[in-house]
Amino acid sequence: MPMGTALIRSSDCRLRVDLIGFRDIKEIEMDIDTARSRLGAIRSQRGQVKPEELDEIWRALDTVRPEQILGAWKGSEIDNGHPLCGKLEAAGWYGKTFNSLLDAKPLVMRGKDGELYSNTELGRGEASLWMVEFRGESTATMVYDGRPIFDHLKKVDDHTLLGMMNGKSHGDAIFQFDDGAPLFTFVLDRNPA
């Protein structure tokens, strides 16, 4: 225990107290404004981000419903050490498109000719949008048609989503989900209409 603190025990509680100010120093959850600010700072920097920091930001954000996110979105990766980091962007990943609840395109790519297309080969089909419980909350989730992959989404603001890709590995060189490894994390920015 750090110097200047005391541990107070009673029959029904345990509280660590700062002896200088007699204040509870338990961990405080991040608020949504701090989460938005921190995510903005992460996006402007280059380099790897600790998965725990992304998890803390995720917890502070609001859930979102599938019908609120319909449209085209530009994607960007956040490097948190997941094996997929760098691979999608190197393959030409542009973002995702949600045309309707049952018509979602998880891997919109930019071809060599500059045109956008849905890479159904890499995705083994396309996807649909559902409300799925993840980490104790129900939020909009893209469920891939041909892969055991879920893209869970939360609202940063009206034009930005934070996504965490969760799934099951099948010996695939690209989509890997190892126990204890961080989830692939990405940001989606709404394309102007």
N, C-alpha and C. Protein backbone atom coordinates (compact mmCIF):
# COMPACT_ATOMS: atom_id res chain seq x y z
N MET A 1 0.84 -1.18 0.00
CA MET A 1 0.00 0.00 0.00
C MET A 1 0.89 1.24 0.00
N PRO A 2 0.57 2.27 -0.83
CA PRO A 2 1.39 3.46 -0.89
C PRO A 2 1.44 4.20 0.44
N MET A 3 2.57 4.90 0.69
CA MET A 3 2.72 5.68 1.90
C MET A 3 1.67 6.78 1.92
N GLY A 4 1.12 7.09 3.07
CA GLY A 4 0.11 8.13 3.19
C GLY A 4 -1.31 7.60 3.01
N THR A 5 -1.46 6.30 3.02
CA THR A 5 -2.80 5.72 2.92
C THR A 5 -3.02 4.76 4.06
N ALA A 6 -4.26 4.49 4.33
CA ALA A 6 -4.61 3.53 5.38
C ALA A 6 -5.70 2.63 4.85
N LEU A 7 -5.75 1.43 5.36
CA LEU A 7 -6.79 0.50 5.00
C LEU A 7 -7.71 0.37 6.20
N ILE A 8 -8.96 0.72 6.03
CA ILE A 8 -9.94 0.65 7.11
C ILE A 8 -10.81 -0.56 6.87
N ARG A 9 -10.95 -1.40 7.86
CA ARG A 9 -11.78 -2.60 7.73
C ARG A 9 -12.88 -2.58 8.77
N SER A 10 -14.03 -3.02 8.37
CA SER A 10 -15.11 -3.29 9.32
C SER A 10 -15.72 -4.60 8.89
N SER A 11 -16.74 -5.03 9.59
CA SER A 11 -17.32 -6.33 9.27
C SER A 11 -17.95 -6.38 7.89
N ASP A 12 -18.40 -5.24 7.34
CA ASP A 12 -19.08 -5.29 6.05
C ASP A 12 -18.48 -4.40 4.97
N CYS A 13 -17.35 -3.76 5.19
CA CYS A 13 -16.75 -2.95 4.13
C CYS A 13 -15.24 -2.87 4.28
N ARG A 14 -14.62 -2.51 3.20
CA ARG A 14 -13.18 -2.32 3.17
C ARG A 14 -12.95 -1.09 2.32
N LEU A 15 -12.30 -0.07 2.83
CA LEU A 15 -12.12 1.19 2.13
C LEU A 15 -10.70 1.67 2.29
N ARG A 16 -10.05 2.00 1.16
CA ARG A 16 -8.71 2.57 1.21
C ARG A 16 -8.88 4.08 1.24
N VAL A 17 -8.24 4.77 2.16
CA VAL A 17 -8.45 6.19 2.36
C VAL A 17 -7.12 6.93 2.27
N ASP A 18 -7.11 8.06 1.59
CA ASP A 18 -5.95 8.94 1.53
C ASP A 18 -5.90 9.69 2.85
N LEU A 19 -4.81 9.52 3.63
CA LEU A 19 -4.71 10.13 4.95
C LEU A 19 -4.60 11.65 4.89
N ILE A 20 -4.10 12.18 3.77
CA ILE A 20 -3.95 13.63 3.69
C ILE A 20 -5.31 14.31 3.58
N GLY A 21 -6.16 13.85 2.67
CA GLY A 21 -7.44 14.50 2.47
C GLY A 21 -8.62 13.67 2.90
N PHE A 22 -8.37 12.50 3.47
CA PHE A 22 -9.44 11.60 3.89
C PHE A 22 -10.48 11.42 2.80
N ARG A 23 -9.99 11.18 1.59
CA ARG A 23 -10.94 10.99 0.50
C ARG A 23 -10.79 9.58 -0.06
N ASP A 24 -11.87 9.07 -0.56
CA ASP A 24 -11.88 7.76 -1.17
C ASP A 24 -11.08 7.86 -2.47
N ILE A 25 -10.14 6.96 -2.70
CA ILE A 25 -9.34 7.03 -3.91
C ILE A 25 -9.61 5.82 -4.81
N LYS A 26 -10.83 5.31 -4.75
CA LYS A 26 -11.16 4.20 -5.65
C LYS A 26 -11.14 4.70 -7.09
N GLU A 27 -11.00 3.79 -8.02
CA GLU A 27 -10.92 4.14 -9.44
C GLU A 27 -12.22 4.79 -9.90
N ILE A 28 -12.08 5.89 -10.61
CA ILE A 28 -13.23 6.63 -11.12
C ILE A 28 -13.38 6.32 -12.60
N GLU A 29 -14.61 6.01 -13.03
CA GLU A 29 -14.88 5.73 -14.43
C GLU A 29 -14.69 6.99 -15.27
N MET A 30 -14.26 6.81 -16.51
CA MET A 30 -14.09 7.91 -17.45
C MET A 30 -15.48 8.41 -17.87
N ASP A 31 -15.66 9.72 -17.98
CA ASP A 31 -16.94 10.25 -18.47
C ASP A 31 -16.88 10.36 -20.00
N ILE A 32 -18.05 10.57 -20.61
CA ILE A 32 -18.13 10.53 -22.07
C ILE A 32 -17.32 11.65 -22.73
N ASP A 33 -17.28 12.84 -22.13
CA ASP A 33 -16.50 13.94 -22.71
C ASP A 33 -15.01 13.63 -22.70
N THR A 34 -14.54 13.04 -21.61
CA THR A 34 -13.13 12.64 -21.52
C THR A 34 -12.84 11.53 -22.53
N ALA A 35 -13.78 10.59 -22.69
CA ALA A 35 -13.61 9.50 -23.65
C ALA A 35 -13.50 10.05 -25.07
N ARG A 36 -14.36 10.99 -25.41
CA ARG A 36 -14.31 11.59 -26.75
C ARG A 36 -12.99 12.32 -26.97
N SER A 37 -12.58 13.07 -25.99
CA SER A 37 -11.33 13.83 -26.08
C SER A 37 -10.13 12.89 -26.21
N ARG A 38 -10.12 11.84 -25.40
CA ARG A 38 -9.00 10.90 -25.43
C ARG A 38 -8.96 10.15 -26.76
N LEU A 39 -10.13 9.77 -27.28
CA LEU A 39 -10.17 9.09 -28.58
C LEU A 39 -9.66 10.01 -29.68
N GLY A 40 -10.03 11.29 -29.62
CA GLY A 40 -9.52 12.26 -30.59
C GLY A 40 -8.01 12.36 -30.54
N ALA A 41 -7.44 12.36 -29.35
CA ALA A 41 -5.98 12.43 -29.20
C ALA A 41 -5.32 11.16 -29.75
N ILE A 42 -5.92 10.01 -29.47
CA ILE A 42 -5.38 8.74 -29.97
C ILE A 42 -5.38 8.73 -31.49
N ARG A 43 -6.45 9.22 -32.09
CA ARG A 43 -6.56 9.23 -33.56
C ARG A 43 -5.53 10.15 -34.21
N SER A 44 -5.12 11.20 -33.52
CA SER A 44 -4.17 12.14 -34.11
C SER A 44 -2.72 11.70 -33.93
N GLN A 45 -2.48 10.75 -33.06
CA GLN A 45 -1.12 10.27 -32.83
C GLN A 45 -0.88 9.00 -33.63
N ARG A 46 0.33 8.65 -33.80
CA ARG A 46 0.70 7.38 -34.43
C ARG A 46 1.36 6.54 -33.35
N GLY A 47 1.22 5.25 -33.47
CA GLY A 47 1.82 4.36 -32.49
C GLY A 47 0.75 3.51 -31.83
N GLN A 48 1.22 2.58 -31.06
CA GLN A 48 0.32 1.61 -30.44
C GLN A 48 -0.34 2.18 -29.19
N VAL A 49 -1.61 1.81 -29.00
CA VAL A 49 -2.41 2.24 -27.86
C VAL A 49 -2.65 1.02 -26.97
N LYS A 50 -2.61 1.22 -25.67
CA LYS A 50 -2.87 0.11 -24.75
C LYS A 50 -4.33 -0.32 -24.86
N PRO A 51 -4.58 -1.62 -25.00
CA PRO A 51 -5.96 -2.10 -25.09
C PRO A 51 -6.81 -1.69 -23.89
N GLU A 52 -6.20 -1.59 -22.72
CA GLU A 52 -6.94 -1.20 -21.51
C GLU A 52 -7.50 0.22 -21.64
N GLU A 53 -6.75 1.10 -22.31
CA GLU A 53 -7.23 2.46 -22.51
C GLU A 53 -8.43 2.48 -23.45
N LEU A 54 -8.36 1.67 -24.51
CA LEU A 54 -9.49 1.58 -25.44
C LEU A 54 -10.71 0.97 -24.74
N ASP A 55 -10.48 0.00 -23.87
CA ASP A 55 -11.59 -0.60 -23.11
C ASP A 55 -12.26 0.44 -22.21
N GLU A 56 -11.45 1.31 -21.61
CA GLU A 56 -12.00 2.35 -20.73
C GLU A 56 -12.83 3.35 -21.54
N ILE A 57 -12.34 3.73 -22.71
CA ILE A 57 -13.09 4.63 -23.60
C ILE A 57 -14.39 3.95 -24.00
N TRP A 58 -14.31 2.68 -24.40
CA TRP A 58 -15.50 1.92 -24.81
C TRP A 58 -16.58 1.96 -23.73
N ARG A 59 -16.19 1.71 -22.48
CA ARG A 59 -17.16 1.69 -21.37
C ARG A 59 -17.88 3.02 -21.21
N ALA A 60 -17.22 4.12 -21.52
CA ALA A 60 -17.82 5.45 -21.32
C ALA A 60 -18.79 5.85 -22.43
N LEU A 61 -18.69 5.23 -23.60
CA LEU A 61 -19.51 5.64 -24.74
C LEU A 61 -20.92 5.08 -24.66
N ASP A 62 -21.84 5.75 -25.36
CA ASP A 62 -23.23 5.32 -25.42
C ASP A 62 -23.40 4.20 -26.44
N THR A 63 -24.34 3.32 -26.16
CA THR A 63 -24.70 2.30 -27.14
C THR A 63 -25.47 2.98 -28.27
N VAL A 64 -25.66 2.24 -29.36
CA VAL A 64 -26.35 2.79 -30.53
C VAL A 64 -27.24 1.70 -31.11
N ARG A 65 -28.32 2.08 -31.75
CA ARG A 65 -29.23 1.13 -32.39
C ARG A 65 -28.88 1.00 -33.87
N PRO A 66 -29.09 -0.17 -34.46
CA PRO A 66 -28.75 -0.36 -35.88
C PRO A 66 -29.39 0.66 -36.82
N GLU A 67 -30.65 1.00 -36.61
CA GLU A 67 -31.31 1.94 -37.52
C GLU A 67 -30.74 3.36 -37.44
N GLN A 68 -29.97 3.65 -36.41
CA GLN A 68 -29.35 4.97 -36.27
C GLN A 68 -28.05 5.11 -37.07
N ILE A 69 -27.52 4.00 -37.57
CA ILE A 69 -26.20 4.06 -38.20
C ILE A 69 -26.23 3.73 -39.69
N LEU A 70 -27.41 3.67 -40.28
CA LEU A 70 -27.50 3.35 -41.70
C LEU A 70 -26.75 4.38 -42.52
N GLY A 71 -26.09 3.92 -43.57
CA GLY A 71 -25.33 4.80 -44.44
C GLY A 71 -23.92 4.28 -44.66
N ALA A 72 -23.11 5.11 -45.30
CA ALA A 72 -21.73 4.75 -45.62
C ALA A 72 -20.78 5.36 -44.59
N TRP A 73 -19.76 4.61 -44.23
CA TRP A 73 -18.80 5.01 -43.20
C TRP A 73 -17.37 4.76 -43.67
N LYS A 74 -16.50 5.72 -43.40
CA LYS A 74 -15.06 5.61 -43.68
C LYS A 74 -14.40 5.05 -42.43
N GLY A 75 -13.59 4.02 -42.60
CA GLY A 75 -12.97 3.37 -41.45
C GLY A 75 -11.50 3.69 -41.27
N SER A 76 -11.04 3.56 -40.04
CA SER A 76 -9.61 3.65 -39.74
C SER A 76 -9.31 2.74 -38.55
N GLU A 77 -8.15 2.13 -38.59
CA GLU A 77 -7.73 1.21 -37.54
C GLU A 77 -7.12 1.96 -36.37
N ILE A 78 -7.21 1.37 -35.19
CA ILE A 78 -6.46 1.83 -34.03
C ILE A 78 -5.52 0.70 -33.67
N ASP A 79 -4.23 0.95 -33.69
CA ASP A 79 -3.23 -0.09 -33.42
C ASP A 79 -3.17 -0.36 -31.92
N ASN A 80 -3.69 -1.52 -31.53
CA ASN A 80 -3.62 -1.93 -30.13
C ASN A 80 -2.89 -3.27 -29.98
N GLY A 81 -2.18 -3.65 -31.03
CA GLY A 81 -1.41 -4.89 -30.98
C GLY A 81 -2.14 -6.10 -31.52
N HIS A 82 -3.39 -5.95 -31.96
CA HIS A 82 -4.12 -7.09 -32.53
C HIS A 82 -3.42 -7.51 -33.83
N PRO A 83 -3.37 -8.81 -34.12
CA PRO A 83 -2.70 -9.28 -35.34
C PRO A 83 -3.26 -8.69 -36.64
N LEU A 84 -4.51 -8.24 -36.65
CA LEU A 84 -5.11 -7.67 -37.85
C LEU A 84 -4.66 -6.23 -38.11
N CYS A 85 -4.12 -5.56 -37.10
CA CYS A 85 -3.70 -4.16 -37.25
C CYS A 85 -2.73 -4.01 -38.42
N GLY A 86 -3.06 -3.11 -39.33
CA GLY A 86 -2.25 -2.84 -40.50
C GLY A 86 -2.60 -3.67 -41.72
N LYS A 87 -3.19 -4.84 -41.51
CA LYS A 87 -3.48 -5.74 -42.64
C LYS A 87 -4.67 -5.27 -43.47
N LEU A 88 -5.74 -4.81 -42.82
CA LEU A 88 -6.91 -4.37 -43.58
C LEU A 88 -6.60 -3.12 -44.40
N GLU A 89 -5.96 -2.14 -43.77
CA GLU A 89 -5.63 -0.92 -44.50
C GLU A 89 -4.67 -1.23 -45.65
N ALA A 90 -3.73 -2.14 -45.43
CA ALA A 90 -2.80 -2.52 -46.50
C ALA A 90 -3.53 -3.21 -47.66
N ALA A 91 -4.65 -3.86 -47.36
CA ALA A 91 -5.44 -4.54 -48.39
C ALA A 91 -6.41 -3.58 -49.09
N GLY A 92 -6.40 -2.30 -48.68
CA GLY A 92 -7.26 -1.31 -49.33
C GLY A 92 -8.58 -1.06 -48.63
N TRP A 93 -8.69 -1.46 -47.34
CA TRP A 93 -9.94 -1.25 -46.61
C TRP A 93 -10.30 0.23 -46.57
N TYR A 94 -11.52 0.53 -46.99
CA TYR A 94 -12.03 1.89 -46.97
C TYR A 94 -12.97 2.12 -45.79
N GLY A 95 -13.86 1.16 -45.54
CA GLY A 95 -14.82 1.33 -44.46
C GLY A 95 -15.93 0.30 -44.52
N LYS A 96 -17.13 0.71 -44.11
CA LYS A 96 -18.30 -0.17 -44.04
C LYS A 96 -19.51 0.59 -44.54
N THR A 97 -20.47 -0.15 -45.09
CA THR A 97 -21.72 0.47 -45.54
C THR A 97 -22.89 -0.33 -44.98
N PHE A 98 -23.83 0.37 -44.37
CA PHE A 98 -25.03 -0.23 -43.82
C PHE A 98 -26.22 0.29 -44.63
N ASN A 99 -26.62 -0.45 -45.67
CA ASN A 99 -27.74 -0.03 -46.52
C ASN A 99 -29.08 -0.23 -45.82
N SER A 100 -29.20 -1.32 -45.08
CA SER A 100 -30.40 -1.63 -44.30
C SER A 100 -29.97 -2.62 -43.22
N LEU A 101 -30.91 -3.02 -42.38
CA LEU A 101 -30.55 -3.94 -41.31
C LEU A 101 -30.05 -5.29 -41.85
N LEU A 102 -30.55 -5.69 -43.01
CA LEU A 102 -30.16 -6.98 -43.57
C LEU A 102 -29.20 -6.87 -44.74
N ASP A 103 -28.73 -5.66 -45.04
CA ASP A 103 -27.80 -5.43 -46.15
C ASP A 103 -26.66 -4.55 -45.67
N ALA A 104 -25.63 -5.20 -45.12
CA ALA A 104 -24.46 -4.49 -44.61
C ALA A 104 -23.21 -5.02 -45.30
N LYS A 105 -22.30 -4.11 -45.60
CA LYS A 105 -21.07 -4.46 -46.30
C LYS A 105 -19.89 -4.19 -45.35
N PRO A 106 -19.33 -5.27 -44.76
CA PRO A 106 -18.30 -5.09 -43.74
C PRO A 106 -16.93 -4.69 -44.26
N LEU A 107 -16.64 -5.07 -45.51
CA LEU A 107 -15.29 -4.84 -46.03
C LEU A 107 -15.38 -4.07 -47.35
N VAL A 108 -15.69 -2.78 -47.24
CA VAL A 108 -15.68 -1.92 -48.43
C VAL A 108 -14.23 -1.53 -48.68
N MET A 109 -13.76 -1.86 -49.88
CA MET A 109 -12.36 -1.64 -50.25
C MET A 109 -12.28 -0.62 -51.38
N ARG A 110 -11.11 0.02 -51.49
CA ARG A 110 -10.84 0.91 -52.62
C ARG A 110 -9.92 0.14 -53.57
N GLY A 111 -10.43 -0.10 -54.79
CA GLY A 111 -9.66 -0.83 -55.79
C GLY A 111 -8.52 0.01 -56.36
N LYS A 112 -7.67 -0.62 -57.13
CA LYS A 112 -6.54 0.08 -57.77
C LYS A 112 -7.03 1.18 -58.69
N ASP A 113 -8.25 1.02 -59.22
CA ASP A 113 -8.83 2.03 -60.11
C ASP A 113 -9.48 3.18 -59.33
N GLY A 114 -9.45 3.10 -58.00
CA GLY A 114 -10.02 4.15 -57.16
C GLY A 114 -11.48 3.93 -56.81
N GLU A 115 -12.11 2.95 -57.41
CA GLU A 115 -13.53 2.67 -57.15
C GLU A 115 -13.70 1.85 -55.87
N LEU A 116 -14.82 2.09 -55.19
CA LEU A 116 -15.14 1.33 -53.98
C LEU A 116 -15.92 0.07 -54.36
N TYR A 117 -15.65 -1.02 -53.64
CA TYR A 117 -16.39 -2.27 -53.86
C TYR A 117 -16.44 -3.06 -52.55
N SER A 118 -17.42 -3.95 -52.44
CA SER A 118 -17.54 -4.81 -51.28
C SER A 118 -16.74 -6.09 -51.53
N ASN A 119 -15.75 -6.35 -50.70
CA ASN A 119 -14.90 -7.52 -50.87
C ASN A 119 -15.58 -8.74 -50.22
N THR A 120 -16.45 -9.37 -50.99
CA THR A 120 -17.20 -10.53 -50.48
C THR A 120 -16.32 -11.77 -50.40
N GLU A 121 -15.21 -11.80 -51.11
CA GLU A 121 -14.30 -12.95 -51.02
C GLU A 121 -13.60 -12.94 -49.66
N LEU A 122 -13.02 -11.81 -49.29
CA LEU A 122 -12.33 -11.71 -48.00
C LEU A 122 -13.32 -11.87 -46.85
N GLY A 123 -14.50 -11.25 -46.99
CA GLY A 123 -15.50 -11.34 -45.93
C GLY A 123 -16.32 -12.61 -45.97
N ARG A 124 -16.15 -13.41 -47.02
CA ARG A 124 -16.96 -14.62 -47.23
C ARG A 124 -18.44 -14.29 -47.21
N GLY A 125 -18.79 -13.26 -47.94
CA GLY A 125 -20.17 -12.79 -47.99
C GLY A 125 -20.24 -11.38 -47.44
N GLU A 126 -21.41 -11.00 -47.03
CA GLU A 126 -21.58 -9.66 -46.46
C GLU A 126 -22.03 -9.78 -45.02
N ALA A 127 -23.02 -8.98 -44.57
CA ALA A 127 -23.37 -8.99 -43.16
C ALA A 127 -24.76 -8.41 -42.95
N SER A 128 -25.19 -8.41 -41.69
CA SER A 128 -26.45 -7.78 -41.29
C SER A 128 -26.23 -7.10 -39.93
N LEU A 129 -27.17 -6.24 -39.56
CA LEU A 129 -27.07 -5.49 -38.30
C LEU A 129 -28.08 -6.00 -37.29
N TRP A 130 -27.62 -6.18 -36.06
CA TRP A 130 -28.46 -6.68 -34.98
C TRP A 130 -28.10 -5.96 -33.68
N MET A 131 -29.01 -6.02 -32.71
CA MET A 131 -28.67 -5.62 -31.35
C MET A 131 -28.12 -6.87 -30.68
N VAL A 132 -26.87 -6.77 -30.18
CA VAL A 132 -26.21 -7.91 -29.55
C VAL A 132 -25.62 -7.45 -28.23
N GLU A 133 -25.74 -8.29 -27.21
CA GLU A 133 -25.14 -7.95 -25.93
C GLU A 133 -23.64 -8.24 -25.99
N PHE A 134 -22.87 -7.25 -25.55
CA PHE A 134 -21.41 -7.34 -25.52
C PHE A 134 -20.94 -6.59 -24.29
N ARG A 135 -20.21 -7.24 -23.43
CA ARG A 135 -19.71 -6.64 -22.20
C ARG A 135 -20.84 -6.04 -21.36
N GLY A 136 -21.96 -6.75 -21.32
CA GLY A 136 -23.08 -6.36 -20.46
C GLY A 136 -24.02 -5.31 -21.02
N GLU A 137 -23.82 -4.90 -22.27
CA GLU A 137 -24.69 -3.89 -22.89
C GLU A 137 -25.13 -4.37 -24.26
N SER A 138 -26.37 -4.06 -24.63
CA SER A 138 -26.83 -4.35 -25.98
C SER A 138 -26.55 -3.14 -26.85
N THR A 139 -25.88 -3.38 -27.99
CA THR A 139 -25.54 -2.29 -28.90
C THR A 139 -25.57 -2.82 -30.33
N ALA A 140 -25.61 -1.91 -31.30
CA ALA A 140 -25.61 -2.30 -32.71
C ALA A 140 -24.37 -3.13 -33.00
N THR A 141 -24.58 -4.23 -33.72
CA THR A 141 -23.49 -5.15 -34.03
C THR A 141 -23.66 -5.66 -35.46
N MET A 142 -22.58 -5.60 -36.23
CA MET A 142 -22.59 -6.18 -37.57
C MET A 142 -22.19 -7.64 -37.44
N VAL A 143 -23.06 -8.53 -37.91
CA VAL A 143 -22.82 -9.96 -37.87
C VAL A 143 -22.48 -10.41 -39.29
N TYR A 144 -21.27 -10.93 -39.47
CA TYR A 144 -20.81 -11.36 -40.78
C TYR A 144 -21.58 -12.60 -41.21
N ASP A 145 -21.90 -12.69 -42.50
CA ASP A 145 -22.64 -13.84 -43.02
C ASP A 145 -21.78 -15.10 -43.08
N GLY A 146 -20.52 -15.00 -43.49
CA GLY A 146 -19.71 -16.18 -43.75
C GLY A 146 -18.54 -16.40 -42.82
N ARG A 147 -18.44 -15.58 -41.80
CA ARG A 147 -17.36 -15.73 -40.83
C ARG A 147 -17.93 -15.57 -39.42
N PRO A 148 -17.34 -16.23 -38.43
CA PRO A 148 -17.81 -16.06 -37.05
C PRO A 148 -17.24 -14.76 -36.45
N ILE A 149 -17.71 -13.63 -37.02
CA ILE A 149 -17.19 -12.32 -36.62
C ILE A 149 -18.35 -11.38 -36.30
N PHE A 150 -18.16 -10.60 -35.23
CA PHE A 150 -19.12 -9.58 -34.81
C PHE A 150 -18.38 -8.26 -34.67
N ASP A 151 -18.86 -7.22 -35.33
CA ASP A 151 -18.33 -5.86 -35.15
C ASP A 151 -19.29 -5.12 -34.23
N HIS A 152 -18.93 -4.98 -32.95
CA HIS A 152 -19.75 -4.27 -31.98
C HIS A 152 -19.46 -2.78 -32.13
N LEU A 153 -20.50 -1.95 -32.07
CA LEU A 153 -20.36 -0.51 -32.34
C LEU A 153 -20.97 0.32 -31.23
N LYS A 154 -20.28 1.41 -30.89
CA LYS A 154 -20.81 2.37 -29.93
C LYS A 154 -20.65 3.78 -30.50
N LYS A 155 -21.49 4.67 -30.03
CA LYS A 155 -21.55 6.04 -30.55
C LYS A 155 -20.54 6.94 -29.84
N VAL A 156 -19.67 7.56 -30.63
CA VAL A 156 -18.77 8.58 -30.09
C VAL A 156 -19.51 9.92 -30.17
N ASP A 157 -20.08 10.20 -31.34
CA ASP A 157 -20.95 11.36 -31.55
C ASP A 157 -21.83 11.05 -32.76
N ASP A 158 -22.59 12.01 -33.26
CA ASP A 158 -23.53 11.75 -34.35
C ASP A 158 -22.85 11.32 -35.64
N HIS A 159 -21.56 11.53 -35.77
CA HIS A 159 -20.85 11.24 -37.01
C HIS A 159 -19.70 10.25 -36.85
N THR A 160 -19.55 9.68 -35.64
CA THR A 160 -18.41 8.82 -35.37
C THR A 160 -18.82 7.63 -34.51
N LEU A 161 -18.33 6.44 -34.88
CA LEU A 161 -18.55 5.22 -34.11
C LEU A 161 -17.21 4.60 -33.73
N LEU A 162 -17.17 3.95 -32.59
CA LEU A 162 -16.02 3.14 -32.20
C LEU A 162 -16.46 1.69 -32.33
N GLY A 163 -15.63 0.87 -32.97
CA GLY A 163 -15.97 -0.53 -33.18
C GLY A 163 -14.94 -1.45 -32.57
N MET A 164 -15.42 -2.60 -32.09
CA MET A 164 -14.55 -3.67 -31.62
C MET A 164 -14.97 -4.95 -32.32
N MET A 165 -14.02 -5.55 -33.03
CA MET A 165 -14.27 -6.78 -33.77
C MET A 165 -13.98 -7.98 -32.87
N ASN A 166 -14.98 -8.81 -32.72
CA ASN A 166 -14.90 -9.97 -31.86
C ASN A 166 -15.21 -11.19 -32.71
N GLY A 167 -14.63 -12.32 -32.42
CA GLY A 167 -14.93 -13.48 -33.23
C GLY A 167 -14.23 -14.72 -32.76
N LYS A 168 -14.19 -15.66 -33.67
CA LYS A 168 -13.62 -16.97 -33.40
C LYS A 168 -12.62 -17.29 -34.51
N SER A 169 -11.42 -17.71 -34.14
CA SER A 169 -10.39 -18.05 -35.12
C SER A 169 -10.65 -19.42 -35.72
N HIS A 170 -10.32 -19.54 -37.00
CA HIS A 170 -10.42 -20.82 -37.69
C HIS A 170 -9.15 -21.06 -38.49
N GLY A 171 -7.99 -20.76 -37.91
CA GLY A 171 -6.73 -20.94 -38.61
C GLY A 171 -6.55 -19.96 -39.75
N ASP A 172 -7.30 -18.88 -39.74
CA ASP A 172 -7.26 -17.86 -40.78
C ASP A 172 -6.06 -16.95 -40.54
N ALA A 173 -5.30 -16.67 -41.57
CA ALA A 173 -4.10 -15.83 -41.43
C ALA A 173 -4.45 -14.37 -41.19
N ILE A 174 -5.65 -13.94 -41.56
CA ILE A 174 -6.02 -12.53 -41.42
C ILE A 174 -6.85 -12.29 -40.17
N PHE A 175 -7.97 -12.99 -40.03
CA PHE A 175 -8.88 -12.77 -38.91
C PHE A 175 -8.55 -13.72 -37.77
N GLN A 176 -7.79 -13.22 -36.78
CA GLN A 176 -7.36 -14.03 -35.65
C GLN A 176 -7.93 -13.45 -34.36
N PHE A 177 -8.44 -14.34 -33.52
CA PHE A 177 -9.01 -13.92 -32.24
C PHE A 177 -8.52 -14.88 -31.17
N ASP A 178 -7.36 -14.61 -30.63
CA ASP A 178 -6.76 -15.48 -29.64
C ASP A 178 -7.24 -15.10 -28.24
N ASP A 179 -7.46 -16.12 -27.40
CA ASP A 179 -7.87 -15.87 -26.02
C ASP A 179 -6.87 -14.94 -25.35
N GLY A 180 -7.37 -13.92 -24.69
CA GLY A 180 -6.53 -12.98 -23.96
C GLY A 180 -5.93 -11.87 -24.81
N ALA A 181 -6.02 -11.98 -26.14
CA ALA A 181 -5.48 -10.93 -27.02
C ALA A 181 -6.48 -9.78 -27.09
N PRO A 182 -6.00 -8.57 -27.40
CA PRO A 182 -6.94 -7.45 -27.54
C PRO A 182 -7.84 -7.66 -28.76
N LEU A 183 -9.01 -7.04 -28.74
CA LEU A 183 -9.91 -7.08 -29.88
C LEU A 183 -9.46 -6.04 -30.90
N PHE A 184 -9.62 -6.37 -32.18
CA PHE A 184 -9.32 -5.40 -33.23
C PHE A 184 -10.28 -4.22 -33.05
N THR A 185 -9.71 -3.01 -32.97
CA THR A 185 -10.51 -1.82 -32.67
C THR A 185 -10.37 -0.83 -33.82
N PHE A 186 -11.48 -0.21 -34.17
CA PHE A 186 -11.50 0.70 -35.32
C PHE A 186 -12.49 1.84 -35.08
N VAL A 187 -12.36 2.87 -35.90
CA VAL A 187 -13.25 4.03 -35.86
C VAL A 187 -13.94 4.13 -37.20
N LEU A 188 -15.22 4.50 -37.19
CA LEU A 188 -15.96 4.77 -38.41
C LEU A 188 -16.43 6.21 -38.39
N ASP A 189 -16.18 6.94 -39.47
CA ASP A 189 -16.66 8.32 -39.64
C ASP A 189 -17.71 8.32 -40.74
N ARG A 190 -18.87 8.89 -40.43
CA ARG A 190 -19.98 8.91 -41.40
C ARG A 190 -19.58 9.71 -42.63
N ASN A 191 -19.81 9.13 -43.83
CA ASN A 191 -19.58 9.85 -45.07
C ASN A 191 -20.67 10.89 -45.24
N PRO A 192 -20.31 12.11 -45.70
CA PRO A 192 -21.35 13.10 -45.94
C PRO A 192 -22.30 12.61 -47.04
N ALA A 193 -23.58 12.93 -46.87
CA ALA A 193 -24.59 12.46 -47.84
C ALA A 193 -24.41 13.10 -49.19
